[in-house]
Amino acid sequence: MSDARTPAQIEADIARRRQELAVTLDEIGVRVHPKTIMGDAKAKAASAVDRTAGRAYVSANRVVTNVRDQLVTEDGAPRMERIVPVALVVVGLVGLLTVSSARGGGRSGGRKGCKRRR
């Protein structure tokens, strides 16, 4: 089994393979560089945030559309038979929260500003 390559061909092959190895090592060096790793991580995080924000926007838009469909007719007129009860519930909840916060919410036990004597 004889190798028909000349010494010049072998040297050229070795030089070519060294060059390929150098390029591969440079690529690996770039890939494992901390700045590259951080950049990739930031890009993945930004992409995840964008996807999440996009999904949230679509969900919120769907909810708003559904609520609007419930409170407005197809021709754009308000459905008072649905709006009035919703408005009353909202006003009632705001009133309850206002009264609750005005009374202190029962959190302080009725001892505002009182110091305990020993």
PDB file of N, CA and C in Angstrom:
ATOM      1  N   MET A   1       0.845  -1.171   0.000  1.00  0.00           N
ATOM      2  CA  MET A   1       0.000   0.000   0.000  1.00  0.00           C
ATOM      3  C   MET A   1       0.898   1.245   0.000  1.00  0.00           C
ATOM      4  N   SER A   2       0.983   1.898  -1.107  1.00  0.00           N
ATOM      5  CA  SER A   2       1.869   3.054  -1.194  1.00  0.00           C
ATOM      6  C   SER A   2       1.041   4.318  -1.318  1.00  0.00           C
ATOM      7  N   ASP A   3       1.561   5.368  -0.730  1.00  0.00           N
ATOM      8  CA  ASP A   3       0.910   6.664  -0.790  1.00  0.00           C
ATOM      9  C   ASP A   3       1.519   7.411  -1.969  1.00  0.00           C
ATOM     10  N   ALA A   4       0.713   7.810  -2.914  1.00  0.00           N
ATOM     11  CA  ALA A   4       1.214   8.433  -4.138  1.00  0.00           C
ATOM     12  C   ALA A   4       1.376   9.943  -3.984  1.00  0.00           C
ATOM     13  N   ARG A   5       1.247  10.445  -2.778  1.00  0.00           N
ATOM     14  CA  ARG A   5       1.356  11.897  -2.587  1.00  0.00           C
ATOM     15  C   ARG A   5       2.821  12.297  -2.445  1.00  0.00           C
ATOM     16  N   THR A   6       3.089  13.459  -2.932  1.00  0.00           N
ATOM     17  CA  THR A   6       4.444  13.982  -2.835  1.00  0.00           C
ATOM     18  C   THR A   6       4.601  14.724  -1.513  1.00  0.00           C
ATOM     19  N   PRO A   7       5.830  14.952  -1.063  1.00  0.00           N
ATOM     20  CA  PRO A   7       6.035  15.727   0.166  1.00  0.00           C
ATOM     21  C   PRO A   7       5.417  17.123   0.082  1.00  0.00           C
ATOM     22  N   ALA A   8       5.418  17.730  -1.054  1.00  0.00           N
ATOM     23  CA  ALA A   8       4.811  19.063  -1.219  1.00  0.00           C
ATOM     24  C   ALA A   8       3.293  18.997  -1.028  1.00  0.00           C
ATOM     25  N   GLN A   9       2.676  17.931  -1.528  1.00  0.00           N
ATOM     26  CA  GLN A   9       1.227  17.758  -1.354  1.00  0.00           C
ATOM     27  C   GLN A   9       0.892  17.519   0.122  1.00  0.00           C
ATOM     28  N   ILE A  10       1.719  16.740   0.790  1.00  0.00           N
ATOM     29  CA  ILE A  10       1.489  16.467   2.218  1.00  0.00           C
ATOM     30  C   ILE A  10       1.626  17.760   3.014  1.00  0.00           C
ATOM     31  N   GLU A  11       2.662  18.545   2.717  1.00  0.00           N
ATOM     32  CA  GLU A  11       2.849  19.830   3.419  1.00  0.00           C
ATOM     33  C   GLU A  11       1.676  20.778   3.143  1.00  0.00           C
ATOM     34  N   ALA A  12       1.177  20.808   1.922  1.00  0.00           N
ATOM     35  CA  ALA A  12       0.043  21.671   1.576  1.00  0.00           C
ATOM     36  C   ALA A  12      -1.207  21.210   2.317  1.00  0.00           C
ATOM     37  N   ASP A  13      -1.392  19.896   2.425  1.00  0.00           N
ATOM     38  CA  ASP A  13      -2.539  19.348   3.152  1.00  0.00           C
ATOM     39  C   ASP A  13      -2.458  19.709   4.631  1.00  0.00           C
ATOM     40  N   ILE A  14      -1.258  19.598   5.201  1.00  0.00           N
ATOM     41  CA  ILE A  14      -1.064  19.957   6.618  1.00  0.00           C
ATOM     42  C   ILE A  14      -1.341  21.447   6.822  1.00  0.00           C
ATOM     43  N   ALA A  15      -0.853  22.295   5.929  1.00  0.00           N
ATOM     44  CA  ALA A  15      -1.076  23.744   6.037  1.00  0.00           C
ATOM     45  C   ALA A  15      -2.568  24.075   5.940  1.00  0.00           C
ATOM     46  N   ARG A  16      -3.254  23.399   5.003  1.00  0.00           N
ATOM     47  CA  ARG A  16      -4.700  23.632   4.857  1.00  0.00           C
ATOM     48  C   ARG A  16      -5.449  23.209   6.113  1.00  0.00           C
ATOM     49  N   ARG A  17      -5.091  22.060   6.649  1.00  0.00           N
ATOM     50  CA  ARG A  17      -5.767  21.590   7.869  1.00  0.00           C
ATOM     51  C   ARG A  17      -5.459  22.481   9.061  1.00  0.00           C
ATOM     52  N   ARG A  18      -4.245  22.997   9.137  1.00  0.00           N
ATOM     53  CA  ARG A  18      -3.916  23.954  10.210  1.00  0.00           C
ATOM     54  C   ARG A  18      -4.783  25.205  10.096  1.00  0.00           C
ATOM     55  N   GLN A  19      -4.956  25.679   8.874  1.00  0.00           N
ATOM     56  CA  GLN A  19      -5.786  26.866   8.653  1.00  0.00           C
ATOM     57  C   GLN A  19      -7.234  26.586   9.044  1.00  0.00           C
ATOM     58  N   GLU A  20      -7.757  25.427   8.677  1.00  0.00           N
ATOM     59  CA  GLU A  20      -9.128  25.049   9.046  1.00  0.00           C
ATOM     60  C   GLU A  20      -9.262  24.951  10.570  1.00  0.00           C
ATOM     61  N   LEU A  21      -8.256  24.369  11.216  1.00  0.00           N
ATOM     62  CA  LEU A  21      -8.268  24.252  12.675  1.00  0.00           C
ATOM     63  C   LEU A  21      -8.221  25.628  13.330  1.00  0.00           C
ATOM     64  N   ALA A  22      -7.429  26.539  12.779  1.00  0.00           N
ATOM     65  CA  ALA A  22      -7.341  27.895  13.321  1.00  0.00           C
ATOM     66  C   ALA A  22      -8.682  28.607  13.212  1.00  0.00           C
ATOM     67  N   VAL A  23      -9.350  28.440  12.075  1.00  0.00           N
ATOM     68  CA  VAL A  23     -10.670  29.061  11.895  1.00  0.00           C
ATOM     69  C   VAL A  23     -11.664  28.476  12.895  1.00  0.00           C
ATOM     70  N   THR A  24     -11.632  27.157  13.054  1.00  0.00           N
ATOM     71  CA  THR A  24     -12.544  26.498  13.998  1.00  0.00           C
ATOM     72  C   THR A  24     -12.282  26.977  15.419  1.00  0.00           C
ATOM     73  N   LEU A  25     -11.009  27.080  15.803  1.00  0.00           N
ATOM     74  CA  LEU A  25     -10.676  27.560  17.151  1.00  0.00           C
ATOM     75  C   LEU A  25     -11.117  29.012  17.353  1.00  0.00           C
ATOM     76  N   ASP A  26     -10.979  29.838  16.325  1.00  0.00           N
ATOM     77  CA  ASP A  26     -11.455  31.224  16.411  1.00  0.00           C
ATOM     78  C   ASP A  26     -12.968  31.270  16.621  1.00  0.00           C
ATOM     79  N   GLU A  27     -13.701  30.438  15.888  1.00  0.00           N
ATOM     80  CA  GLU A  27     -15.161  30.386  16.043  1.00  0.00           C
ATOM     81  C   GLU A  27     -15.539  29.946  17.450  1.00  0.00           C
ATOM     82  N   ILE A  28     -14.840  28.927  17.952  1.00  0.00           N
ATOM     83  CA  ILE A  28     -15.117  28.462  19.331  1.00  0.00           C
ATOM     84  C   ILE A  28     -14.798  29.575  20.314  1.00  0.00           C
ATOM     85  N   GLY A  29     -13.707  30.272  20.100  1.00  0.00           N
ATOM     86  CA  GLY A  29     -13.342  31.380  20.989  1.00  0.00           C
ATOM     87  C   GLY A  29     -14.402  32.466  21.024  1.00  0.00           C
ATOM     88  N   VAL A  30     -14.976  32.770  19.879  1.00  0.00           N
ATOM     89  CA  VAL A  30     -16.041  33.786  19.826  1.00  0.00           C
ATOM     90  C   VAL A  30     -17.290  33.277  20.536  1.00  0.00           C
ATOM     91  N   ARG A  31     -17.624  32.023  20.320  1.00  0.00           N
ATOM     92  CA  ARG A  31     -18.839  31.457  20.915  1.00  0.00           C
ATOM     93  C   ARG A  31     -18.779  31.400  22.430  1.00  0.00           C
ATOM     94  N   VAL A  32     -17.617  31.113  22.993  1.00  0.00           N
ATOM     95  CA  VAL A  32     -17.514  30.966  24.450  1.00  0.00           C
ATOM     96  C   VAL A  32     -17.067  32.248  25.135  1.00  0.00           C
ATOM     97  N   HIS A  33     -16.875  33.316  24.379  1.00  0.00           N
ATOM     98  CA  HIS A  33     -16.484  34.593  24.982  1.00  0.00           C
ATOM     99  C   HIS A  33     -17.630  35.104  25.856  1.00  0.00           C
ATOM    100  N   PRO A  34     -17.330  35.618  27.034  1.00  0.00           N
ATOM    101  CA  PRO A  34     -18.398  36.092  27.944  1.00  0.00           C
ATOM    102  C   PRO A  34     -19.327  37.129  27.318  1.00  0.00           C
ATOM    103  N   LYS A  35     -18.794  38.025  26.505  1.00  0.00           N
ATOM    104  CA  LYS A  35     -19.662  39.031  25.866  1.00  0.00           C
ATOM    105  C   LYS A  35     -20.652  38.371  24.915  1.00  0.00           C
ATOM    106  N   THR A  36     -20.187  37.347  24.193  1.00  0.00           N
ATOM    107  CA  THR A  36     -21.077  36.634  23.283  1.00  0.00           C
ATOM    108  C   THR A  36     -22.159  35.900  24.058  1.00  0.00           C
ATOM    109  N   ILE A  37     -21.756  35.242  25.131  1.00  0.00           N
ATOM    110  CA  ILE A  37     -22.716  34.508  25.963  1.00  0.00           C
ATOM    111  C   ILE A  37     -23.739  35.466  26.553  1.00  0.00           C
ATOM    112  N   MET A  38     -23.284  36.617  27.065  1.00  0.00           N
ATOM    113  CA  MET A  38     -24.209  37.608  27.633  1.00  0.00           C
ATOM    114  C   MET A  38     -25.136  38.167  26.557  1.00  0.00           C
ATOM    115  N   GLY A  39     -24.587  38.437  25.380  1.00  0.00           N
ATOM    116  CA  GLY A  39     -25.418  38.948  24.289  1.00  0.00           C
ATOM    117  C   GLY A  39     -26.493  37.952  23.892  1.00  0.00           C
ATOM    118  N   ASP A  40     -26.111  36.676  23.811  1.00  0.00           N
ATOM    119  CA  ASP A  40     -27.100  35.643  23.480  1.00  0.00           C
ATOM    120  C   ASP A  40     -28.169  35.545  24.553  1.00  0.00           C
ATOM    121  N   ALA A  41     -27.747  35.597  25.826  1.00  0.00           N
ATOM    122  CA  ALA A  41     -28.710  35.518  26.932  1.00  0.00           C
ATOM    123  C   ALA A  41     -29.661  36.709  26.911  1.00  0.00           C
ATOM    124  N   LYS A  42     -29.118  37.905  26.650  1.00  0.00           N
ATOM    125  CA  LYS A  42     -29.971  39.096  26.576  1.00  0.00           C
ATOM    126  C   LYS A  42     -30.970  38.990  25.427  1.00  0.00           C
ATOM    127  N   ALA A  43     -30.498  38.489  24.289  1.00  0.00           N
ATOM    128  CA  ALA A  43     -31.390  38.353  23.133  1.00  0.00           C
ATOM    129  C   ALA A  43     -32.501  37.353  23.422  1.00  0.00           C
ATOM    130  N   LYS A  44     -32.162  36.239  24.077  1.00  0.00           N
ATOM    131  CA  LYS A  44     -33.189  35.253  24.420  1.00  0.00           C
ATOM    132  C   LYS A  44     -34.185  35.833  25.414  1.00  0.00           C
ATOM    133  N   ALA A  45     -33.687  36.574  26.416  1.00  0.00           N
ATOM    134  CA  ALA A  45     -34.583  37.177  27.401  1.00  0.00           C
ATOM    135  C   ALA A  45     -35.496  38.213  26.741  1.00  0.00           C
ATOM    136  N   ALA A  46     -34.925  39.043  25.884  1.00  0.00           N
ATOM    137  CA  ALA A  46     -35.734  40.053  25.189  1.00  0.00           C
ATOM    138  C   ALA A  46     -36.794  39.386  24.318  1.00  0.00           C
ATOM    139  N   SER A  47     -36.415  38.304  23.667  1.00  0.00           N
ATOM    140  CA  SER A  47     -37.372  37.584  22.835  1.00  0.00           C
ATOM    141  C   SER A  47     -38.502  37.003  23.675  1.00  0.00           C
ATOM    142  N   ALA A  48     -38.143  36.439  24.831  1.00  0.00           N
ATOM    143  CA  ALA A  48     -39.169  35.880  25.727  1.00  0.00           C
ATOM    144  C   ALA A  48     -40.098  36.973  26.238  1.00  0.00           C
ATOM    145  N   VAL A  49     -39.538  38.136  26.585  1.00  0.00           N
ATOM    146  CA  VAL A  49     -40.362  39.254  27.058  1.00  0.00           C
ATOM    147  C   VAL A  49     -41.281  39.739  25.938  1.00  0.00           C
ATOM    148  N   ASP A  50     -40.743  39.849  24.739  1.00  0.00           N
ATOM    149  CA  ASP A  50     -41.566  40.283  23.602  1.00  0.00           C
ATOM    150  C   ASP A  50     -42.716  39.315  23.353  1.00  0.00           C
ATOM    151  N   ARG A  51     -42.423  38.004  23.407  1.00  0.00           N
ATOM    152  CA  ARG A  51     -43.487  37.014  23.206  1.00  0.00           C
ATOM    153  C   ARG A  51     -44.539  37.129  24.302  1.00  0.00           C
ATOM    154  N   THR A  52     -44.081  37.266  25.552  1.00  0.00           N
ATOM    155  CA  THR A  52     -45.016  37.358  26.672  1.00  0.00           C
ATOM    156  C   THR A  52     -45.851  38.629  26.567  1.00  0.00           C
ATOM    157  N   ALA A  53     -45.201  39.734  26.245  1.00  0.00           N
ATOM    158  CA  ALA A  53     -45.937  41.000  26.095  1.00  0.00           C
ATOM    159  C   ALA A  53     -46.931  40.906  24.944  1.00  0.00           C
ATOM    160  N   GLY A  54     -46.530  40.273  23.868  1.00  0.00           N
ATOM    161  CA  GLY A  54     -47.442  40.102  22.732  1.00  0.00           C
ATOM    162  C   GLY A  54     -48.652  39.271  23.107  1.00  0.00           C
ATOM    163  N   ARG A  55     -48.413  38.182  23.841  1.00  0.00           N
ATOM    164  CA  ARG A  55     -49.540  37.340  24.279  1.00  0.00           C
ATOM    165  C   ARG A  55     -50.448  38.109  25.233  1.00  0.00           C
ATOM    166  N   ALA A  56     -49.829  38.886  26.145  1.00  0.00           N
ATOM    167  CA  ALA A  56     -50.637  39.668  27.081  1.00  0.00           C
ATOM    168  C   ALA A  56     -51.478  40.697  26.338  1.00  0.00           C
ATOM    169  N   TYR A  57     -50.884  41.341  25.335  1.00  0.00           N
ATOM    170  CA  TYR A  57     -51.624  42.329  24.550  1.00  0.00           C
ATOM    171  C   TYR A  57     -52.801  41.679  23.838  1.00  0.00           C
ATOM    172  N   VAL A  58     -52.563  40.518  23.235  1.00  0.00           N
ATOM    173  CA  VAL A  58     -53.639  39.826  22.519  1.00  0.00           C
ATOM    174  C   VAL A  58     -54.741  39.429  23.492  1.00  0.00           C
ATOM    175  N   SER A  59     -54.367  38.928  24.673  1.00  0.00           N
ATOM    176  CA  SER A  59     -55.373  38.530  25.669  1.00  0.00           C
ATOM    177  C   SER A  59     -56.163  39.735  26.153  1.00  0.00           C
ATOM    178  N   ALA A  60     -55.453  40.825  26.453  1.00  0.00           N
ATOM    179  CA  ALA A  60     -56.142  42.033  26.922  1.00  0.00           C
ATOM    180  C   ALA A  60     -57.063  42.576  25.841  1.00  0.00           C
ATOM    181  N   ASN A  61     -56.597  42.566  24.612  1.00  0.00           N
ATOM    182  CA  ASN A  61     -57.424  43.047  23.504  1.00  0.00           C
ATOM    183  C   ASN A  61     -58.675  42.186  23.358  1.00  0.00           C
ATOM    184  N   ARG A  62     -58.523  40.879  23.529  1.00  0.00           N
ATOM    185  CA  ARG A  62     -59.672  39.970  23.440  1.00  0.00           C
ATOM    186  C   ARG A  62     -60.681  40.273  24.553  1.00  0.00           C
ATOM    187  N   VAL A  63     -60.176  40.503  25.771  1.00  0.00           N
ATOM    188  CA  VAL A  63     -61.074  40.805  26.898  1.00  0.00           C
ATOM    189  C   VAL A  63     -61.812  42.114  26.644  1.00  0.00           C
ATOM    190  N   VAL A  64     -61.082  43.137  26.206  1.00  0.00           N
ATOM    191  CA  VAL A  64     -61.716  44.437  25.941  1.00  0.00           C
ATOM    192  C   VAL A  64     -62.774  44.298  24.846  1.00  0.00           C
ATOM    193  N   THR A  65     -62.463  43.547  23.820  1.00  0.00           N
ATOM    194  CA  THR A  65     -63.425  43.335  22.734  1.00  0.00           C
ATOM    195  C   THR A  65     -64.667  42.622  23.245  1.00  0.00           C
ATOM    196  N   ASN A  66     -64.473  41.592  24.076  1.00  0.00           N
ATOM    197  CA  ASN A  66     -65.614  40.866  24.626  1.00  0.00           C
ATOM    198  C   ASN A  66     -66.471  41.764  25.515  1.00  0.00           C
ATOM    199  N   VAL A  67     -65.835  42.579  26.353  1.00  0.00           N
ATOM    200  CA  VAL A  67     -66.593  43.491  27.222  1.00  0.00           C
ATOM    201  C   VAL A  67     -67.336  44.512  26.379  1.00  0.00           C
ATOM    202  N   ARG A  68     -66.654  45.065  25.376  1.00  0.00           N
ATOM    203  CA  ARG A  68     -67.303  46.044  24.503  1.00  0.00           C
ATOM    204  C   ARG A  68     -68.503  45.420  23.796  1.00  0.00           C
ATOM    205  N   ASP A  69     -68.342  44.180  23.347  1.00  0.00           N
ATOM    206  CA  ASP A  69     -69.453  43.498  22.686  1.00  0.00           C
ATOM    207  C   ASP A  69     -70.643  43.313  23.624  1.00  0.00           C
ATOM    208  N   GLN A  70     -70.363  43.160  24.906  1.00  0.00           N
ATOM    209  CA  GLN A  70     -71.448  42.992  25.881  1.00  0.00           C
ATOM    210  C   GLN A  70     -72.139  44.320  26.201  1.00  0.00           C
ATOM    211  N   LEU A  71     -71.403  45.420  26.109  1.00  0.00           N
ATOM    212  CA  LEU A  71     -71.947  46.711  26.544  1.00  0.00           C
ATOM    213  C   LEU A  71     -72.385  47.619  25.397  1.00  0.00           C
ATOM    214  N   VAL A  72     -72.075  47.231  24.164  1.00  0.00           N
ATOM    215  CA  VAL A  72     -72.416  48.072  23.009  1.00  0.00           C
ATOM    216  C   VAL A  72     -73.042  47.179  21.940  1.00  0.00           C
ATOM    217  N   THR A  73     -74.082  47.699  21.287  1.00  0.00           N
ATOM    218  CA  THR A  73     -74.717  46.944  20.204  1.00  0.00           C
ATOM    219  C   THR A  73     -73.825  46.965  18.966  1.00  0.00           C
ATOM    220  N   GLU A  74     -74.197  46.193  17.963  1.00  0.00           N
ATOM    221  CA  GLU A  74     -73.405  46.119  16.736  1.00  0.00           C
ATOM    222  C   GLU A  74     -73.327  47.459  16.013  1.00  0.00           C
ATOM    223  N   ASP A  75     -74.362  48.290  16.163  1.00  0.00           N
ATOM    224  CA  ASP A  75     -74.339  49.594  15.503  1.00  0.00           C
ATOM    225  C   ASP A  75     -73.699  50.681  16.370  1.00  0.00           C
ATOM    226  N   GLY A  76     -73.141  50.317  17.539  1.00  0.00           N
ATOM    227  CA  GLY A  76     -72.406  51.263  18.376  1.00  0.00           C
ATOM    228  C   GLY A  76     -73.222  51.920  19.473  1.00  0.00           C
ATOM    229  N   ALA A  77     -74.493  51.595  19.594  1.00  0.00           N
ATOM    230  CA  ALA A  77     -75.327  52.196  20.636  1.00  0.00           C
ATOM    231  C   ALA A  77     -75.069  51.483  21.970  1.00  0.00           C
ATOM    232  N   PRO A  78     -75.011  52.242  23.067  1.00  0.00           N
ATOM    233  CA  PRO A  78     -74.777  51.608  24.370  1.00  0.00           C
ATOM    234  C   PRO A  78     -75.981  50.770  24.806  1.00  0.00           C
ATOM    235  N   ARG A  79     -75.707  49.650  25.430  1.00  0.00           N
ATOM    236  CA  ARG A  79     -76.756  48.785  25.980  1.00  0.00           C
ATOM    237  C   ARG A  79     -76.957  49.172  27.438  1.00  0.00           C
ATOM    238  N   MET A  80     -77.868  50.088  27.656  1.00  0.00           N
ATOM    239  CA  MET A  80     -78.087  50.640  28.997  1.00  0.00           C
ATOM    240  C   MET A  80     -78.534  49.562  29.985  1.00  0.00           C
ATOM    241  N   GLU A  81     -79.262  48.540  29.505  1.00  0.00           N
ATOM    242  CA  GLU A  81     -79.737  47.488  30.404  1.00  0.00           C
ATOM    243  C   GLU A  81     -78.567  46.681  30.972  1.00  0.00           C
ATOM    244  N   ARG A  82     -77.386  46.786  30.351  1.00  0.00           N
ATOM    245  CA  ARG A  82     -76.201  46.097  30.872  1.00  0.00           C
ATOM    246  C   ARG A  82     -75.232  47.069  31.537  1.00  0.00           C
ATOM    247  N   ILE A  83     -75.195  48.297  31.054  1.00  0.00           N
ATOM    248  CA  ILE A  83     -74.247  49.279  31.589  1.00  0.00           C
ATOM    249  C   ILE A  83     -74.649  49.728  32.989  1.00  0.00           C
ATOM    250  N   VAL A  84     -75.920  49.985  33.213  1.00  0.00           N
ATOM    251  CA  VAL A  84     -76.378  50.497  34.514  1.00  0.00           C
ATOM    252  C   VAL A  84     -76.047  49.524  35.653  1.00  0.00           C
ATOM    253  N   PRO A  85     -76.357  48.227  35.561  1.00  0.00           N
ATOM    254  CA  PRO A  85     -75.995  47.329  36.662  1.00  0.00           C
ATOM    255  C   PRO A  85     -74.482  47.263  36.911  1.00  0.00           C
ATOM    256  N   VAL A  86     -73.702  47.269  35.856  1.00  0.00           N
ATOM    257  CA  VAL A  86     -72.250  47.241  36.026  1.00  0.00           C
ATOM    258  C   VAL A  86     -71.781  48.515  36.730  1.00  0.00           C
ATOM    259  N   ALA A  87     -72.301  49.653  36.335  1.00  0.00           N
ATOM    260  CA  ALA A  87     -71.926  50.915  36.961  1.00  0.00           C
ATOM    261  C   ALA A  87     -72.315  50.927  38.437  1.00  0.00           C
ATOM    262  N   LEU A  88     -73.477  50.402  38.758  1.00  0.00           N
ATOM    263  CA  LEU A  88     -73.902  50.361  40.158  1.00  0.00           C
ATOM    264  C   LEU A  88     -72.984  49.469  40.998  1.00  0.00           C
ATOM    265  N   VAL A  89     -72.585  48.348  40.456  1.00  0.00           N
ATOM    266  CA  VAL A  89     -71.670  47.463  41.185  1.00  0.00           C
ATOM    267  C   VAL A  89     -70.329  48.162  41.407  1.00  0.00           C
ATOM    268  N   VAL A  90     -69.821  48.835  40.405  1.00  0.00           N
ATOM    269  CA  VAL A  90     -68.540  49.542  40.539  1.00  0.00           C
ATOM    270  C   VAL A  90     -68.648  50.640  41.584  1.00  0.00           C
ATOM    271  N   VAL A  91     -69.718  51.418  41.550  1.00  0.00           N
ATOM    272  CA  VAL A  91     -69.911  52.496  42.529  1.00  0.00           C
ATOM    273  C   VAL A  91     -70.023  51.904  43.936  1.00  0.00           C
ATOM    274  N   GLY A  92     -70.732  50.787  44.075  1.00  0.00           N
ATOM    275  CA  GLY A  92     -70.857  50.142  45.371  1.00  0.00           C
ATOM    276  C   GLY A  92     -69.517  49.662  45.908  1.00  0.00           C
ATOM    277  N   LEU A  93     -68.707  49.056  45.057  1.00  0.00           N
ATOM    278  CA  LEU A  93     -67.391  48.591  45.492  1.00  0.00           C
ATOM    279  C   LEU A  93     -66.484  49.751  45.889  1.00  0.00           C
ATOM    280  N   VAL A  94     -66.516  50.819  45.109  1.00  0.00           N
ATOM    281  CA  VAL A  94     -65.711  51.994  45.447  1.00  0.00           C
ATOM    282  C   VAL A  94     -66.183  52.577  46.771  1.00  0.00           C
ATOM    283  N   GLY A  95     -67.476  52.620  46.991  1.00  0.00           N
ATOM    284  CA  GLY A  95     -68.004  53.120  48.262  1.00  0.00           C
ATOM    285  C   GLY A  95     -67.570  52.260  49.430  1.00  0.00           C
ATOM    286  N   LEU A  96     -67.645  50.951  49.283  1.00  0.00           N
ATOM    287  CA  LEU A  96     -67.202  50.054  50.350  1.00  0.00           C
ATOM    288  C   LEU A  96     -65.721  50.224  50.653  1.00  0.00           C
ATOM    289  N   LEU A  97     -64.927  50.343  49.638  1.00  0.00           N
ATOM    290  CA  LEU A  97     -63.489  50.539  49.846  1.00  0.00           C
ATOM    291  C   LEU A  97     -63.207  51.874  50.526  1.00  0.00           C
ATOM    292  N   THR A  98     -63.956  52.892  50.147  1.00  0.00           N
ATOM    293  CA  THR A  98     -63.773  54.206  50.753  1.00  0.00           C
ATOM    294  C   THR A  98     -64.142  54.172  52.231  1.00  0.00           C
ATOM    295  N   VAL A  99     -65.274  53.576  52.543  1.00  0.00           N
ATOM    296  CA  VAL A  99     -65.711  53.481  53.938  1.00  0.00           C
ATOM    297  C   VAL A  99     -64.723  52.637  54.742  1.00  0.00           C
ATOM    298  N   SER A 100     -64.279  51.547  54.169  1.00  0.00           N
ATOM    299  CA  SER A 100     -63.343  50.659  54.850  1.00  0.00           C
ATOM    300  C   SER A 100     -62.025  51.365  55.140  1.00  0.00           C
ATOM    301  N   SER A 101     -61.510  52.127  54.180  1.00  0.00           N
ATOM    302  CA  SER A 101     -60.243  52.816  54.408  1.00  0.00           C
ATOM    303  C   SER A 101     -60.423  54.000  55.349  1.00  0.00           C
ATOM    304  N   ALA A 102     -61.601  54.618  55.368  1.00  0.00           N
ATOM    305  CA  ALA A 102     -61.847  55.736  56.278  1.00  0.00           C
ATOM    306  C   ALA A 102     -61.900  55.259  57.727  1.00  0.00           C
ATOM    307  N   ARG A 103     -62.368  54.053  57.943  1.00  0.00           N
ATOM    308  CA  ARG A 103     -62.433  53.498  59.289  1.00  0.00           C
ATOM    309  C   ARG A 103     -61.105  52.878  59.716  1.00  0.00           C
ATOM    310  N   GLY A 104     -60.160  52.860  58.846  1.00  0.00           N
ATOM    311  CA  GLY A 104     -58.873  52.281  59.178  1.00  0.00           C
ATOM    312  C   GLY A 104     -58.760  50.833  58.772  1.00  0.00           C
ATOM    313  N   GLY A 105     -59.771  50.288  58.219  1.00  0.00           N
ATOM    314  CA  GLY A 105     -59.717  48.931  57.728  1.00  0.00           C
ATOM    315  C   GLY A 105     -59.625  47.870  58.797  1.00  0.00           C
ATOM    316  N   GLY A 106     -59.734  48.261  60.078  1.00  0.00           N
ATOM    317  CA  GLY A 106     -59.674  47.287  61.150  1.00  0.00           C
ATOM    318  C   GLY A 106     -58.269  46.754  61.378  1.00  0.00           C
ATOM    319  N   ARG A 107     -57.280  47.346  60.784  1.00  0.00           N
ATOM    320  CA  ARG A 107     -55.919  46.831  60.904  1.00  0.00           C
ATOM    321  C   ARG A 107     -55.247  47.291  62.193  1.00  0.00           C
ATOM    322  N   SER A 108     -55.543  48.487  62.617  1.00  0.00           N
ATOM    323  CA  SER A 108     -54.822  49.024  63.771  1.00  0.00           C
ATOM    324  C   SER A 108     -55.483  48.642  65.086  1.00  0.00           C
ATOM    325  N   GLY A 109     -56.621  48.014  65.063  1.00  0.00           N
ATOM    326  CA  GLY A 109     -57.279  47.612  66.296  1.00  0.00           C
ATOM    327  C   GLY A 109     -57.871  48.784  67.057  1.00  0.00           C
ATOM    328  N   GLY A 110     -58.062  49.914  66.421  1.00  0.00           N
ATOM    329  CA  GLY A 110     -58.678  51.068  67.072  1.00  0.00           C
ATOM    330  C   GLY A 110     -57.747  51.818  67.994  1.00  0.00           C
ATOM    331  N   ARG A 111     -56.461  51.622  67.923  1.00  0.00           N
ATOM    332  CA  ARG A 111     -55.505  52.295  68.818  1.00  0.00           C
ATOM    333  C   ARG A 111     -54.572  53.210  68.035  1.00  0.00           C
ATOM    334  N   LYS A 112     -55.095  54.005  67.188  1.00  0.00           N
ATOM    335  CA  LYS A 112     -54.242  54.925  66.423  1.00  0.00           C
ATOM    336  C   LYS A 112     -53.622  55.944  67.358  1.00  0.00           C
ATOM    337  N   GLY A 113     -52.313  56.047  67.274  1.00  0.00           N
ATOM    338  CA  GLY A 113     -51.634  57.080  68.032  1.00  0.00           C
ATOM    339  C   GLY A 113     -51.533  56.819  69.526  1.00  0.00           C
ATOM    340  N   CYS A 114     -52.052  55.749  70.035  1.00  0.00           N
ATOM    341  CA  CYS A 114     -51.977  55.475  71.459  1.00  0.00           C
ATOM    342  C   CYS A 114     -50.689  54.748  71.773  1.00  0.00           C
ATOM    343  N   LYS A 115     -50.049  55.178  72.872  1.00  0.00           N
ATOM    344  CA  LYS A 115     -48.852  54.495  73.307  1.00  0.00           C
ATOM    345  C   LYS A 115     -49.188  53.586  74.456  1.00  0.00           C
ATOM    346  N   ARG A 116     -48.559  52.459  74.477  1.00  0.00           N
ATOM    347  CA  ARG A 116     -48.794  51.491  75.547  1.00  0.00           C
ATOM    348  C   ARG A 116     -48.002  51.903  76.794  1.00  0.00           C
ATOM    349  N   ARG A 117     -48.670  51.866  77.922  1.00  0.00           N
ATOM    350  CA  ARG A 117     -47.990  52.191  79.187  1.00  0.00           C
ATOM    351  C   ARG A 117     -47.509  50.914  79.827  1.00  0.00           C
ATOM    352  N   ARG A 118     -46.401  51.015  80.513  1.00  0.00           N
ATOM    353  CA  ARG A 118     -45.852  49.830  81.203  1.00  0.00           C
ATOM    354  C   ARG A 118     -45.981  49.954  82.669  1.00  0.00           C
TER     355      ARG A 118
END
